[in-house]
Every structure is written in structure tokens, then in C-alpha cells.
Protein backbone atom coordinates (compact mmCIF):
# COMPACT_ATOMS: atom_id res chain seq x y z
CA MET A 1 85.10 72.67 179.33
CA ALA A 2 85.21 72.73 175.53
CA GLU A 3 81.82 72.35 173.93
CA THR A 4 81.09 69.26 171.79
CA GLY A 5 77.98 68.23 169.78
CA ARG A 6 76.33 70.36 167.04
CA ARG A 7 78.34 71.71 164.15
CA HIS A 8 79.39 75.32 164.27
CA LYS A 9 80.85 77.69 161.70
CA ALA A 10 83.20 80.59 161.92
CA PHE A 11 82.97 83.64 159.68
CA ILE A 12 86.17 85.64 159.29
CA GLY A 13 86.40 89.13 157.91
CA SER A 14 89.50 90.46 156.07
CA PHE A 15 90.78 93.54 154.26
CA THR A 16 90.67 92.99 150.49
CA ALA A 17 92.72 96.15 149.98
CA ALA A 18 95.59 94.42 151.79
CA GLY A 19 95.32 91.13 149.96
CA GLY A 20 92.58 89.53 152.05
CA PRO A 21 89.97 87.22 150.38
CA GLY A 22 87.05 89.05 151.91
CA LEU A 23 84.54 87.01 153.78
CA VAL A 24 86.01 83.59 154.78
CA ILE A 25 84.01 80.60 155.95
CA ALA A 26 85.34 77.83 158.15
CA ASP A 27 84.03 74.75 160.15
CA VAL A 28 84.75 74.65 163.88
CA ARG A 29 85.92 71.19 165.01
CA PRO A 30 84.06 70.13 168.07
CA GLY A 31 86.07 69.80 171.22
CA THR A 32 89.36 71.12 169.73
CA GLY A 33 88.19 74.59 168.57
CA ALA A 34 90.20 74.11 165.34
CA LEU A 35 89.13 76.09 162.33
CA VAL A 36 89.00 74.31 158.90
CA LEU A 37 88.66 76.69 156.07
CA THR A 38 85.84 75.79 153.62
CA GLY A 39 85.54 78.80 151.30
CA SER A 40 85.37 82.65 150.80
CA LEU A 41 83.31 85.34 149.13
CA GLY A 42 84.81 88.50 147.70
CA THR A 43 81.52 90.26 147.09
CA VAL A 44 82.22 93.38 148.95
CA PRO A 45 85.48 95.25 149.56
CA ASP A 46 87.15 95.22 153.01
CA PRO A 47 84.48 93.43 155.03
CA SER A 48 86.31 94.25 158.23
CA TYR A 49 83.62 93.56 160.87
CA LEU A 50 80.75 91.03 160.93
CA ALA A 51 77.62 90.43 162.95
CA LEU A 52 75.10 87.60 163.08
CA SER A 53 71.37 87.89 163.53
CA ASP A 54 69.93 86.62 166.83
CA ASP A 55 68.37 83.56 165.00
CA GLY A 56 71.59 82.88 163.16
CA ASP A 57 69.95 83.01 159.69
CA MET A 58 71.66 86.19 158.53
CA LEU A 59 75.13 87.56 158.53
CA TYR A 60 76.02 91.32 158.12
CA ALA A 61 79.23 92.92 157.24
CA VAL A 62 80.54 96.44 156.96
CA SER A 63 82.47 97.53 153.89
CA GLU A 64 85.10 99.65 155.41
CA THR A 65 85.87 102.01 152.47
CA ALA A 66 85.85 105.63 151.93
CA GLU A 67 82.26 105.42 150.48
CA GLY A 68 81.16 103.09 153.25
CA ALA A 69 78.42 100.37 153.01
CA VAL A 70 76.84 97.41 154.75
CA ALA A 71 75.96 94.01 153.29
CA ALA A 72 73.66 91.18 154.22
CA TYR A 73 74.22 87.47 153.61
CA ARG A 74 71.64 84.60 153.98
CA LEU A 75 73.08 81.63 155.80
CA ARG A 76 71.63 78.64 154.16
CA GLY A 77 73.73 75.59 153.10
CA ASP A 78 77.55 75.62 153.44
CA LYS A 79 78.14 79.12 151.94
CA PRO A 80 76.69 82.52 152.70
CA ALA A 81 74.55 83.92 149.86
CA PRO A 82 74.42 87.71 149.25
CA ALA A 83 70.87 88.90 150.18
CA GLY A 84 70.60 92.09 148.10
CA PRO A 85 73.15 94.71 147.02
CA PRO A 86 75.31 96.47 149.57
CA VAL A 87 73.62 99.57 151.12
CA PRO A 88 75.65 102.75 151.36
CA VAL A 89 75.65 104.17 154.83
CA GLY A 90 76.16 107.75 153.95
CA ALA A 91 79.53 107.98 155.81
CA SER A 92 83.13 106.80 155.47
CA GLY A 93 85.11 104.06 157.01
CA PRO A 94 82.50 102.03 158.83
CA THR A 95 84.52 99.80 161.12
CA HIS A 96 81.98 98.13 163.22
CA LEU A 97 78.25 97.23 163.31
CA GLY A 98 75.69 95.82 165.61
CA LEU A 99 71.94 94.92 165.63
CA TYR A 100 69.54 97.11 167.59
CA GLY A 101 65.84 97.91 167.47
CA GLY A 102 65.14 96.28 164.10
CA HIS A 103 68.07 98.05 162.51
CA VAL A 104 71.73 97.48 161.66
CA LEU A 105 73.83 100.27 163.24
CA THR A 106 77.28 101.01 161.79
CA ALA A 107 80.05 102.88 163.54
CA ASN A 108 81.72 105.12 160.92
CA TYR A 109 85.23 105.87 161.91
CA GLY A 110 86.16 108.14 159.06
CA SER A 111 83.16 110.39 159.52
CA GLY A 112 82.74 110.04 163.21
CA SER A 113 79.07 109.04 163.07
CA VAL A 114 76.56 106.15 163.57
CA THR A 115 74.24 105.11 160.75
CA ALA A 116 70.89 103.16 161.10
CA VAL A 117 69.76 100.85 158.30
CA PRO A 118 66.33 99.28 158.82
CA LEU A 119 65.88 95.59 158.59
CA ARG A 120 63.07 94.07 156.60
CA PRO A 121 60.93 91.23 158.17
CA ASP A 122 63.03 88.60 156.29
CA GLY A 123 66.39 90.10 157.77
CA THR A 124 67.35 91.81 154.54
CA LEU A 125 68.42 95.39 154.46
CA ALA A 126 66.24 98.30 153.44
CA ALA A 127 67.41 100.15 150.32
CA ALA A 128 68.72 103.15 152.32
CA PRO A 129 69.59 104.22 155.88
CA SER A 130 66.77 105.66 158.05
CA GLY A 131 69.06 108.16 159.95
CA LEU A 132 72.48 109.12 161.11
CA LEU A 133 73.90 110.52 164.34
CA GLN A 134 76.92 112.73 163.77
CA HIS A 135 79.37 112.74 166.72
CA THR A 136 81.10 116.05 167.59
CA GLY A 137 84.23 116.89 169.54
CA SER A 138 87.94 116.23 169.69
CA GLY A 139 90.80 115.14 172.04
CA PRO A 140 94.31 116.13 172.96
CA HIS A 141 96.06 113.77 170.60
CA ASP A 142 97.11 115.94 167.82
CA ARG A 143 97.06 113.32 165.04
CA ARG A 144 94.42 110.88 166.16
CA GLN A 145 91.85 113.06 167.78
CA ARG A 146 91.27 116.08 165.63
CA GLY A 147 87.73 115.10 165.30
CA PRO A 148 85.27 112.21 166.13
CA HIS A 149 86.11 108.66 165.15
CA ALA A 150 83.26 106.25 166.13
CA HIS A 151 84.97 102.91 166.50
CA GLN A 152 82.20 100.56 167.78
CA VAL A 153 78.42 100.38 168.30
CA GLN A 154 76.30 97.69 169.97
CA ALA A 155 73.16 97.15 171.75
CA ALA A 156 73.33 97.28 175.52
CA PRO A 157 72.08 94.36 177.65
CA GLY A 158 68.27 94.39 177.69
CA GLY A 159 68.05 96.07 174.34
CA ARG A 160 66.73 99.39 175.55
CA TRP A 161 69.85 101.30 174.59
CA ALA A 162 72.67 101.26 172.11
CA VAL A 163 76.28 102.44 172.89
CA SER A 164 78.92 103.87 170.57
CA VAL A 165 82.51 104.18 171.52
CA ASP A 166 84.39 107.19 169.98
CA LEU A 167 88.20 107.16 169.91
CA GLY A 168 88.41 110.76 168.67
CA THR A 169 86.36 112.38 171.37
CA ASP A 170 87.35 110.21 174.44
CA SER A 171 83.73 109.32 175.11
CA VAL A 172 80.96 106.79 174.96
CA ARG A 173 77.49 107.80 173.70
CA VAL A 174 74.31 106.17 174.81
CA CYS A 175 71.63 106.32 172.13
CA THR A 176 68.07 105.34 171.33
CA LEU A 177 66.22 105.21 167.93
CA GLU A 178 63.30 107.57 167.17
CA GLY A 179 61.58 106.86 163.91
CA GLY A 180 64.60 105.03 162.77
CA VAL A 181 66.99 107.88 163.59
CA PRO A 182 69.75 107.38 166.28
CA VAL A 183 69.22 110.04 168.84
CA LEU A 184 71.80 110.90 171.69
CA HIS A 185 70.65 110.03 175.21
CA ARG A 186 73.71 110.95 176.98
CA GLU A 187 77.53 111.26 176.43
CA ILE A 188 79.95 109.87 178.97
CA ALA A 189 83.43 111.44 179.05
CA LEU A 190 86.50 109.25 179.64
CA ARG A 191 90.06 110.41 180.45
CA PRO A 192 91.27 112.85 177.76
CA GLY A 193 93.73 111.24 175.47
CA SER A 194 92.80 107.63 176.36
CA GLY A 195 91.30 106.95 172.92
CA PRO A 196 88.51 104.48 173.75
CA ARG A 197 88.11 101.75 170.98
CA HIS A 198 85.72 98.93 172.07
CA LEU A 199 83.51 98.13 175.03
CA ALA A 200 82.35 94.77 176.36
CA PHE A 201 79.69 94.17 178.96
CA HIS A 202 79.87 91.89 181.96
CA PRO A 203 77.16 89.23 182.06
CA ASP A 204 75.92 90.67 185.32
CA GLY A 205 74.62 93.65 183.28
CA GLU A 206 75.94 96.01 185.70
CA HIS A 207 79.60 96.50 184.57
CA ALA A 208 81.27 97.35 181.28
CA TYR A 209 84.93 97.48 180.21
CA VAL A 210 86.33 99.90 177.69
CA VAL A 211 89.63 99.01 176.03
CA ASN A 212 91.63 102.19 175.17
CA GLU A 213 93.74 102.41 171.99
CA LEU A 214 95.84 105.53 172.62
CA THR A 215 96.81 104.52 176.16
CA PRO A 216 97.35 100.74 176.87
CA THR A 217 94.48 100.55 179.62
CA VAL A 218 90.93 99.30 180.34
CA THR A 219 88.46 101.66 181.80
CA VAL A 220 86.14 99.78 184.26
CA CYS A 221 82.63 101.31 184.33
CA ARG A 222 79.27 100.73 186.14
CA TRP A 223 76.32 100.40 183.94
CA ASP A 224 72.69 101.31 184.88
CA ALA A 225 70.40 99.75 182.30
CA ALA A 226 67.24 101.48 183.76
CA THR A 227 68.57 105.01 183.15
CA GLY A 228 71.24 104.34 180.39
CA ALA A 229 74.06 105.75 182.52
CA LEU A 230 77.60 104.65 182.33
CA LYS A 231 79.97 105.67 185.19
CA PRO A 232 83.73 105.24 184.84
CA LEU A 233 85.20 103.81 188.05
CA THR A 234 88.89 102.99 187.47
CA GLU A 235 91.51 102.62 184.82
CA VAL A 236 93.72 99.47 184.66
CA PRO A 237 96.96 98.93 182.49
CA VAL A 238 96.79 96.09 180.07
CA LEU A 239 100.56 95.47 180.24
CA PRO A 240 102.81 94.75 183.26
CA GLY A 241 105.22 97.51 182.32
CA ALA A 242 105.51 100.48 179.92
CA PRO A 243 105.39 99.49 176.25
CA ALA A 244 108.52 100.28 174.04
CA GLY A 245 106.44 102.27 171.72
CA ASP A 246 102.74 102.83 170.92
CA ALA A 247 100.86 99.70 172.09
CA TYR A 248 97.51 99.97 170.25
CA PRO A 249 95.23 97.77 172.25
CA SER A 250 92.38 96.47 170.16
CA GLY A 251 89.87 93.73 171.14
CA ILE A 252 88.22 92.86 174.46
CA VAL A 253 86.08 90.03 175.49
CA VAL A 254 84.52 88.78 178.77
CA SER A 255 84.14 85.14 179.73
CA PRO A 256 80.51 83.89 179.83
CA ASP A 257 80.80 83.24 183.62
CA GLY A 258 82.20 86.77 184.13
CA ARG A 259 85.30 85.73 185.93
CA HIS A 260 87.79 86.76 183.29
CA VAL A 261 88.49 89.47 180.85
CA TRP A 262 90.80 89.28 177.86
CA THR A 263 92.27 92.00 175.74
CA ALA A 264 94.66 92.09 172.70
CA THR A 265 97.40 94.57 172.21
CA ARG A 266 98.76 94.95 168.71
CA GLY A 267 102.04 96.76 169.23
CA GLU A 268 103.19 94.07 171.68
CA ASP A 269 101.50 91.05 169.97
CA VAL A 270 100.11 89.81 173.34
CA LEU A 271 96.79 88.82 174.93
CA SER A 272 96.26 90.07 178.40
CA VAL A 273 94.32 88.07 181.15
CA PHE A 274 92.40 89.86 183.88
CA ALA A 275 90.39 88.63 186.83
CA ALA A 276 87.15 90.48 187.25
CA GLU A 277 86.77 91.50 190.89
CA GLY A 278 83.76 93.49 191.74
CA ASP A 279 84.20 97.02 190.61
CA GLY A 280 87.79 96.40 189.35
CA LEU A 281 90.04 94.27 187.19
CA ARG A 282 93.38 92.66 188.08
CA LEU A 283 95.96 91.89 185.47
CA THR A 284 97.11 88.26 185.97
CA ALA A 285 99.16 87.29 182.89
CA THR A 286 100.06 88.23 179.26
CA VAL A 287 100.66 85.65 176.56
CA PRO A 288 101.94 85.87 172.97
CA CYS A 289 98.99 86.05 170.43
CA GLY A 290 100.72 83.63 168.12
CA GLY A 291 100.84 86.13 165.28
CA HIS A 292 101.44 89.79 164.52
CA TRP A 293 98.93 92.64 165.02
CA PRO A 294 95.93 91.05 166.77
CA ARG A 295 93.09 93.30 165.51
CA ALA A 296 90.21 91.50 167.12
CA LEU A 297 89.41 88.87 169.75
CA ALA A 298 86.52 86.28 169.94
CA GLN A 299 85.50 83.57 172.16
CA HIS A 300 83.61 80.32 171.44
CA ALA A 301 82.95 77.11 173.41
CA GLY A 302 85.96 77.67 175.78
CA PHE A 303 88.31 78.92 173.14
CA LEU A 304 89.84 82.35 172.39
CA TYR A 305 90.49 83.41 168.84
CA ALA A 306 92.65 86.20 167.66
CA ALA A 307 92.48 87.62 164.21
CA ASN A 308 96.12 88.65 163.41
CA GLU A 309 96.00 91.24 160.58
CA ARG A 310 99.63 91.72 159.59
CA SER A 311 100.71 88.09 159.93
CA GLY A 312 97.64 86.94 158.05
CA ASP A 313 96.25 84.32 160.34
CA VAL A 314 93.76 83.40 163.05
CA THR A 315 95.07 81.74 166.09
CA TRP A 316 93.17 79.84 168.84
CA PHE A 317 93.72 79.16 172.41
CA GLU A 318 92.04 76.99 174.99
CA ALA A 319 91.27 79.13 178.03
CA ASP A 320 91.74 77.57 181.43
CA GLU A 321 88.49 77.74 183.30
CA ARG A 322 90.08 78.49 186.68
CA THR A 323 92.83 80.96 185.73
CA GLY A 324 91.66 82.26 182.38
CA LEU A 325 95.16 81.62 180.97
CA PRO A 326 95.03 80.93 177.27
CA ARG A 327 97.04 78.04 175.87
CA TYR A 328 97.99 78.21 172.17
CA ASP A 329 96.43 75.37 170.17
CA GLY A 330 96.79 76.25 166.46
CA SER A 331 96.20 78.69 163.55
CA VAL A 332 94.92 78.95 160.07
CA ARG A 333 96.02 81.24 157.32
CA VAL A 334 93.74 84.11 156.45
CA PRO A 335 95.57 87.19 154.86
CA ALA A 336 94.75 90.52 156.42
CA ALA A 337 92.35 88.88 158.99
CA SER A 338 90.29 91.45 160.82
CA CYS A 339 87.60 89.66 162.99
CA VAL A 340 85.93 86.35 163.75
CA VAL A 341 82.30 85.52 164.66
CA PHE A 342 80.61 82.23 165.32
CA GLY A 343 77.26 80.69 164.20
């Protein structure tokens, strides 16, 4: 059932280097999920990924550039306001960020590392990072895996651990913070050449799903929050047949009730629907994403949203509660769209 009632906003990241407007703001129409653009901010280059504070008062963005930075915005009124200057992360190509232990963590794709930037009590960023964890290793793909490429970082359920997903080393790292410095707890190897990109936790807190970019699959894992252990169980294709070329899966989300998992695949321009069944997943359908090159997926109030980078739009779908099947409902123009978050 689509949510009605209080007003919600969507925040959309885009690549300014590819013609995007930067940070885009939209109203979310209750009941329909439709996005209505209300403005944009071009204060930092390439804000490709965004994250909201738990209280919804602050918005954080990476600047996915060679120098690499993170920026903070205060959410008061109808337009985000920059809350201090961007903070360099001491690494290149930060492509994702998450909040953990009173810090913003960035996953730095170019450098293959994770940076921690402390948060002040008012939610603004400290003037400099407090530490960095450098990933090491490589994989069998001769072009994409010559070294580490951290692609995502987030807090695990319960808040005790953070996990970072590395496409270049075919692994997931479980980390903690010691004195503001990210410290490796354990590294979990996935299948060589799989190229893990993003991880999503099941609401039961006991399962996690890793979408792989270099092979069109999802790795189903069991998660132990007490020990910070991730155990790969099985690997499931995201497509019903072999792709014509490189498929490049990208985003993954799990329904709030844990019954369905959705992925996006850029090379095929499709969304895949899975039924979550115990320690496994079952592919039930694929549908067109409504655009070209769906870089990220998000969900809100019974709707799925795809940020289609190359067609320059965000499409939305109402997801059937019983089957999980997305039904296309509309789109809005956002050049070089990269992600969507909701507040």
C-alpha cells in the first residue's frame, strides 16, 4: 500500500562533469510516488551519492572527483543549505558514503580505501578526516581488478560494525573504528572475478545480498551481527539468460517486509525481481527500467525509483505487495542522474 500523509522530499545526485545539475531536490506526491522537481544546487562537483542523517536534519554527499571530498547540507526550509566547506577525504573517486559511529565513512573507488570524517554535535563535518583504511589485493579481471576499488560502505544492522564492498579484490571487509580510524575486523572472500559492488541487508538482520558487477549475479550471505562474520551461501543470476555483452549490475534493495529483493542491471536496462526464500533467492521476473543505464535503485512508500544515468532521468514504479513486480508509473528529467534518497 502506498503511503499517504506527511510531505516527503527526494534528493537526487548527478554527475556535473556529464552535464548534471548537481544536487537536485524534489517533492514526493503522496499516494502516487511522483517526483516534482523544486530546485538544484551545484555547490560541489559530481555529488554522485547521498546519505541522510538519522534525524533527517542533515544531508551528506560525496564529490566523486580525482581529489575526492565529502560535503554536508542542513535541511531547513525548502532547499538544502551548505553547512561548511567540502572536506577532502585524502583519496580519489569517493563513490559512496554511510554514517557510522559518529562519523561519515566514504568508499573511495579510485584509491581503494575507506575514509572516516568525524561529525560534530550539530551534524556538520570536522575540518579533516580522522583516519583511513587502505584496502589491498586484486582480482583476475585484467582491466577492472588490478588493485582495490572500494565501491560501498555502510553500517551493519545494530551499529556495531561497518561493511565495505570492494569490486577490485572480490571481497567484503568488516570494520570498526578505533580512535576515529577505520580498522579491519575481518575480510570475507567472494568468488574470484565476481566484482562485488553493493550490499543490502535483509530486515531479519541475519542475511545480506551482494550484487556483483563483473558477473550478473547476487551472492546470498548469512550475517552474524554478534561476531561480525559474513558467510557466502549461494550465488544467483540476475538475468534469466546470458547477456549479449557485459551486463554491469548496479543497485540492490530489499523490501521492508523482507519478501522481495530488486536489482538493476545497466547493460540490459532492466530491474530484476527476486523472492527471498530462507537462505536463497529466486528470480521471478525482469522488467524494463524505463530509461538507460540504471545506476542506482531506491525504495520509498511502496515505490521503486531508478536513477538512469545515461538517459538522464529518474523513473518510478509501484511495487506489487504480493509479487514484488514493479509497474512503471512515471519519470522526471535529471541529466546524469546517479542516486535518489528520501527524507
